[in-house]
């Protein structure tokens, strides 16, 4: 029941987070507060090549990530990719397959629900890395 309500929130059909998911004020991380005037770099792929390279280089060195706009990829295609990749690379602990996408719903010490989407992938030691779960050539 609660999972469906939070999924409705994610799809815009619910406008308030259920109380069971709201952490107490002292449990909320301090670093998640918005800082006035600070924005993640947004880079348009329509920039001239040299400017684009400079902006990406700057964002990588100062932030480590950035948001790309004007890439020409439709929102519908991005959503289909997310759903398809999550399904294709889903983990299944019941079969011993722990790597891949997963979701879990747990309760913390204060009985607040925590819904976690994650991607689990072994990266060390190198001998344990499973390259089969990474596509060599995405199909589309």
C-alpha atoms as a PDB file:
ATOM      1  CA  UNK A   1       0.000   0.000   0.000  1.00  0.00           C
ATOM      2  CA  UNK A   2       2.695   2.529   0.998  1.00  0.00           C
ATOM      3  CA  UNK A   3       4.861   1.634  -2.000  1.00  0.00           C
ATOM      4  CA  UNK A   4       1.966   2.365  -4.336  1.00  0.00           C
ATOM      5  CA  UNK A   5       1.402   5.742  -2.645  1.00  0.00           C
ATOM      6  CA  UNK A   6       5.041   6.742  -3.059  1.00  0.00           C
ATOM      7  CA  UNK A   7       5.027   5.543  -6.667  1.00  0.00           C
ATOM      8  CA  UNK A   8       1.973   7.764  -7.193  1.00  0.00           C
ATOM      9  CA  UNK A   9       3.985  10.642  -5.738  1.00  0.00           C
ATOM     10  CA  UNK A  10       6.819   9.932  -8.168  1.00  0.00           C
ATOM     11  CA  UNK A  11       4.399   9.971 -11.105  1.00  0.00           C
ATOM     12  CA  UNK A  12       2.767  13.218 -10.004  1.00  0.00           C
ATOM     13  CA  UNK A  13      -0.514  11.682  -8.808  1.00  0.00           C
ATOM     14  CA  UNK A  14       0.131  12.306  -5.119  1.00  0.00           C
ATOM     15  CA  UNK A  15       1.216  15.683  -3.790  1.00  0.00           C
ATOM     16  CA  UNK A  16       2.264  14.913  -0.243  1.00  0.00           C
ATOM     17  CA  UNK A  17       4.716  12.356   1.086  1.00  0.00           C
ATOM     18  CA  UNK A  18       3.079   9.850   3.471  1.00  0.00           C
ATOM     19  CA  UNK A  19       4.025  10.536   7.099  1.00  0.00           C
ATOM     20  CA  UNK A  20       5.627   7.082   7.434  1.00  0.00           C
ATOM     21  CA  UNK A  21       8.418   8.222   5.097  1.00  0.00           C
ATOM     22  CA  UNK A  22       9.221  11.576   6.743  1.00  0.00           C
ATOM     23  CA  UNK A  23      12.259  11.447   8.994  1.00  0.00           C
ATOM     24  CA  UNK A  24      12.444  13.398  12.220  1.00  0.00           C
ATOM     25  CA  UNK A  25      14.189  16.779  11.915  1.00  0.00           C
ATOM     26  CA  UNK A  26      17.295  15.640  13.824  1.00  0.00           C
ATOM     27  CA  UNK A  27      17.716  12.680  11.421  1.00  0.00           C
ATOM     28  CA  UNK A  28      17.762  14.760   8.243  1.00  0.00           C
ATOM     29  CA  UNK A  29      21.201  15.299   6.734  1.00  0.00           C
ATOM     30  CA  UNK A  30      22.360  18.902   6.940  1.00  0.00           C
ATOM     31  CA  UNK A  31      23.994  18.804   3.517  1.00  0.00           C
ATOM     32  CA  UNK A  32      20.689  18.270   1.700  1.00  0.00           C
ATOM     33  CA  UNK A  33      19.514  21.834   2.207  1.00  0.00           C
ATOM     34  CA  UNK A  34      19.510  24.011  -0.877  1.00  0.00           C
ATOM     35  CA  UNK A  35      22.108  26.750  -0.804  1.00  0.00           C
ATOM     36  CA  UNK A  36      20.778  30.021  -2.161  1.00  0.00           C
ATOM     37  CA  UNK A  37      22.343  30.875  -5.510  1.00  0.00           C
ATOM     38  CA  UNK A  38      24.239  27.582  -5.933  1.00  0.00           C
ATOM     39  CA  UNK A  39      23.175  25.531  -8.944  1.00  0.00           C
ATOM     40  CA  UNK A  40      24.463  22.372 -10.567  1.00  0.00           C
ATOM     41  CA  UNK A  41      26.101  23.230 -13.904  1.00  0.00           C
ATOM     42  CA  UNK A  42      23.650  23.010 -16.815  1.00  0.00           C
ATOM     43  CA  UNK A  43      25.328  22.592 -20.190  1.00  0.00           C
ATOM     44  CA  UNK A  44      23.585  22.893 -23.544  1.00  0.00           C
ATOM     45  CA  UNK A  45      24.845  20.664 -26.335  1.00  0.00           C
ATOM     46  CA  UNK A  46      23.907  23.471 -28.715  1.00  0.00           C
ATOM     47  CA  UNK A  47      26.968  25.480 -27.622  1.00  0.00           C
ATOM     48  CA  UNK A  48      29.803  25.928 -30.122  1.00  0.00           C
ATOM     49  CA  UNK A  49      32.256  23.013 -29.838  1.00  0.00           C
ATOM     50  CA  UNK A  50      35.082  24.897 -28.089  1.00  0.00           C
ATOM     51  CA  UNK A  51      32.704  26.477 -25.559  1.00  0.00           C
ATOM     52  CA  UNK A  52      31.073  23.079 -24.950  1.00  0.00           C
ATOM     53  CA  UNK A  53      34.433  21.444 -24.240  1.00  0.00           C
ATOM     54  CA  UNK A  54      35.392  24.290 -21.884  1.00  0.00           C
ATOM     55  CA  UNK A  55      32.063  24.105 -20.003  1.00  0.00           C
ATOM     56  CA  UNK A  56      32.261  20.323 -19.594  1.00  0.00           C
ATOM     57  CA  UNK A  57      35.877  20.532 -18.427  1.00  0.00           C
ATOM     58  CA  UNK A  58      35.008  23.226 -15.895  1.00  0.00           C
ATOM     59  CA  UNK A  59      31.961  21.345 -14.584  1.00  0.00           C
ATOM     60  CA  UNK A  60      33.948  18.127 -14.230  1.00  0.00           C
ATOM     61  CA  UNK A  61      36.806  19.737 -12.339  1.00  0.00           C
ATOM     62  CA  UNK A  62      34.634  21.934 -10.097  1.00  0.00           C
ATOM     63  CA  UNK A  63      31.596  19.702  -9.523  1.00  0.00           C
ATOM     64  CA  UNK A  64      32.295  16.201 -10.837  1.00  0.00           C
ATOM     65  CA  UNK A  65      28.954  16.112 -12.671  1.00  0.00           C
ATOM     66  CA  UNK A  66      26.562  18.283 -14.698  1.00  0.00           C
ATOM     67  CA  UNK A  67      23.161  18.325 -16.393  1.00  0.00           C
ATOM     68  CA  UNK A  68      23.022  18.240 -20.191  1.00  0.00           C
ATOM     69  CA  UNK A  69      20.237  19.981 -22.114  1.00  0.00           C
ATOM     70  CA  UNK A  70      19.420  20.256 -25.818  1.00  0.00           C
ATOM     71  CA  UNK A  71      20.548  16.667 -26.451  1.00  0.00           C
ATOM     72  CA  UNK A  72      17.557  15.814 -28.649  1.00  0.00           C
ATOM     73  CA  UNK A  73      16.596  12.682 -26.703  1.00  0.00           C
ATOM     74  CA  UNK A  74      12.882  12.602 -25.953  1.00  0.00           C
ATOM     75  CA  UNK A  75      11.638  12.240 -22.390  1.00  0.00           C
ATOM     76  CA  UNK A  76       9.634   9.185 -23.490  1.00  0.00           C
ATOM     77  CA  UNK A  77      12.762   7.469 -24.825  1.00  0.00           C
ATOM     78  CA  UNK A  78      14.700   8.227 -21.644  1.00  0.00           C
ATOM     79  CA  UNK A  79      11.867   6.742 -19.559  1.00  0.00           C
ATOM     80  CA  UNK A  80      11.718   3.616 -21.765  1.00  0.00           C
ATOM     81  CA  UNK A  81      15.489   3.216 -21.409  1.00  0.00           C
ATOM     82  CA  UNK A  82      15.289   3.479 -17.617  1.00  0.00           C
ATOM     83  CA  UNK A  83      12.501   0.937 -17.409  1.00  0.00           C
ATOM     84  CA  UNK A  84      14.100  -1.450 -19.893  1.00  0.00           C
ATOM     85  CA  UNK A  85      17.541  -1.311 -18.300  1.00  0.00           C
ATOM     86  CA  UNK A  86      16.159  -1.722 -14.799  1.00  0.00           C
ATOM     87  CA  UNK A  87      14.162  -4.747 -15.901  1.00  0.00           C
ATOM     88  CA  UNK A  88      16.994  -6.289 -17.915  1.00  0.00           C
ATOM     89  CA  UNK A  89      19.594  -5.761 -15.190  1.00  0.00           C
ATOM     90  CA  UNK A  90      17.385  -6.369 -12.154  1.00  0.00           C
ATOM     91  CA  UNK A  91      18.897  -8.339  -9.319  1.00  0.00           C
ATOM     92  CA  UNK A  92      17.173 -11.447  -7.982  1.00  0.00           C
ATOM     93  CA  UNK A  93      18.509 -12.512  -4.579  1.00  0.00           C
ATOM     94  CA  UNK A  94      16.215 -15.571  -4.610  1.00  0.00           C
ATOM     95  CA  UNK A  95      18.386 -16.995  -7.417  1.00  0.00           C
ATOM     96  CA  UNK A  96      21.673 -15.759  -5.966  1.00  0.00           C
ATOM     97  CA  UNK A  97      21.909 -12.830  -8.409  1.00  0.00           C
ATOM     98  CA  UNK A  98      22.726  -9.859  -6.174  1.00  0.00           C
ATOM     99  CA  UNK A  99      24.201  -7.517  -8.780  1.00  0.00           C
ATOM    100  CA  UNK A 100      21.929  -5.160 -10.662  1.00  0.00           C
ATOM    101  CA  UNK A 101      18.976  -2.887  -9.946  1.00  0.00           C
ATOM    102  CA  UNK A 102      16.872  -3.466  -6.903  1.00  0.00           C
ATOM    103  CA  UNK A 103      14.348  -1.858  -4.585  1.00  0.00           C
ATOM    104  CA  UNK A 104      13.776  -2.439  -0.937  1.00  0.00           C
ATOM    105  CA  UNK A 105      11.391  -1.059   1.633  1.00  0.00           C
ATOM    106  CA  UNK A 106      12.650  -1.119   5.212  1.00  0.00           C
ATOM    107  CA  UNK A 107      11.841   0.505   8.553  1.00  0.00           C
ATOM    108  CA  UNK A 108      14.419   2.480  10.482  1.00  0.00           C
ATOM    109  CA  UNK A 109      14.730   2.661  14.284  1.00  0.00           C
ATOM    110  CA  UNK A 110      11.930   5.253  14.521  1.00  0.00           C
ATOM    111  CA  UNK A 111       9.601   3.018  12.442  1.00  0.00           C
ATOM    112  CA  UNK A 112       9.833   5.377   9.458  1.00  0.00           C
ATOM    113  CA  UNK A 113       9.720   3.617   6.098  1.00  0.00           C
ATOM    114  CA  UNK A 114      12.697   3.908   3.793  1.00  0.00           C
ATOM    115  CA  UNK A 115      12.196   3.114   0.122  1.00  0.00           C
ATOM    116  CA  UNK A 116      15.542   2.568  -1.557  1.00  0.00           C
ATOM    117  CA  UNK A 117      16.229   2.116  -5.266  1.00  0.00           C
ATOM    118  CA  UNK A 118      19.787   0.976  -5.859  1.00  0.00           C
ATOM    119  CA  UNK A 119      22.212  -0.533  -8.331  1.00  0.00           C
ATOM    120  CA  UNK A 120      24.617  -3.033  -6.801  1.00  0.00           C
ATOM    121  CA  UNK A 121      27.791  -3.832  -8.717  1.00  0.00           C
ATOM    122  CA  UNK A 122      30.983  -5.454  -7.427  1.00  0.00           C
ATOM    123  CA  UNK A 123      34.027  -3.420  -8.465  1.00  0.00           C
ATOM    124  CA  UNK A 124      36.758  -4.934  -6.299  1.00  0.00           C
ATOM    125  CA  UNK A 125      38.622  -7.192  -6.370  1.00  0.00           C
ATOM    126  CA  UNK A 126      38.990  -7.003 -10.146  1.00  0.00           C
ATOM    127  CA  UNK A 127      38.652 -10.788 -10.394  1.00  0.00           C
ATOM    128  CA  UNK A 128      35.062 -10.515  -9.079  1.00  0.00           C
ATOM    129  CA  UNK A 129      33.853  -7.840 -11.544  1.00  0.00           C
ATOM    130  CA  UNK A 130      31.043  -9.161 -13.750  1.00  0.00           C
ATOM    131  CA  UNK A 131      31.309  -7.366 -17.089  1.00  0.00           C
ATOM    132  CA  UNK A 132      28.380  -9.374 -18.464  1.00  0.00           C
ATOM    133  CA  UNK A 133      25.897  -7.014 -16.802  1.00  0.00           C
ATOM    134  CA  UNK A 134      27.200  -4.041 -18.830  1.00  0.00           C
ATOM    135  CA  UNK A 135      26.028  -3.919 -22.443  1.00  0.00           C
ATOM    136  CA  UNK A 136      28.805  -3.654 -25.051  1.00  0.00           C
ATOM    137  CA  UNK A 137      26.495  -1.962 -27.525  1.00  0.00           C
ATOM    138  CA  UNK A 138      23.153  -0.688 -26.254  1.00  0.00           C
ATOM    139  CA  UNK A 139      20.414  -1.924 -28.637  1.00  0.00           C
ATOM    140  CA  UNK A 140      18.964   1.553 -29.315  1.00  0.00           C
END
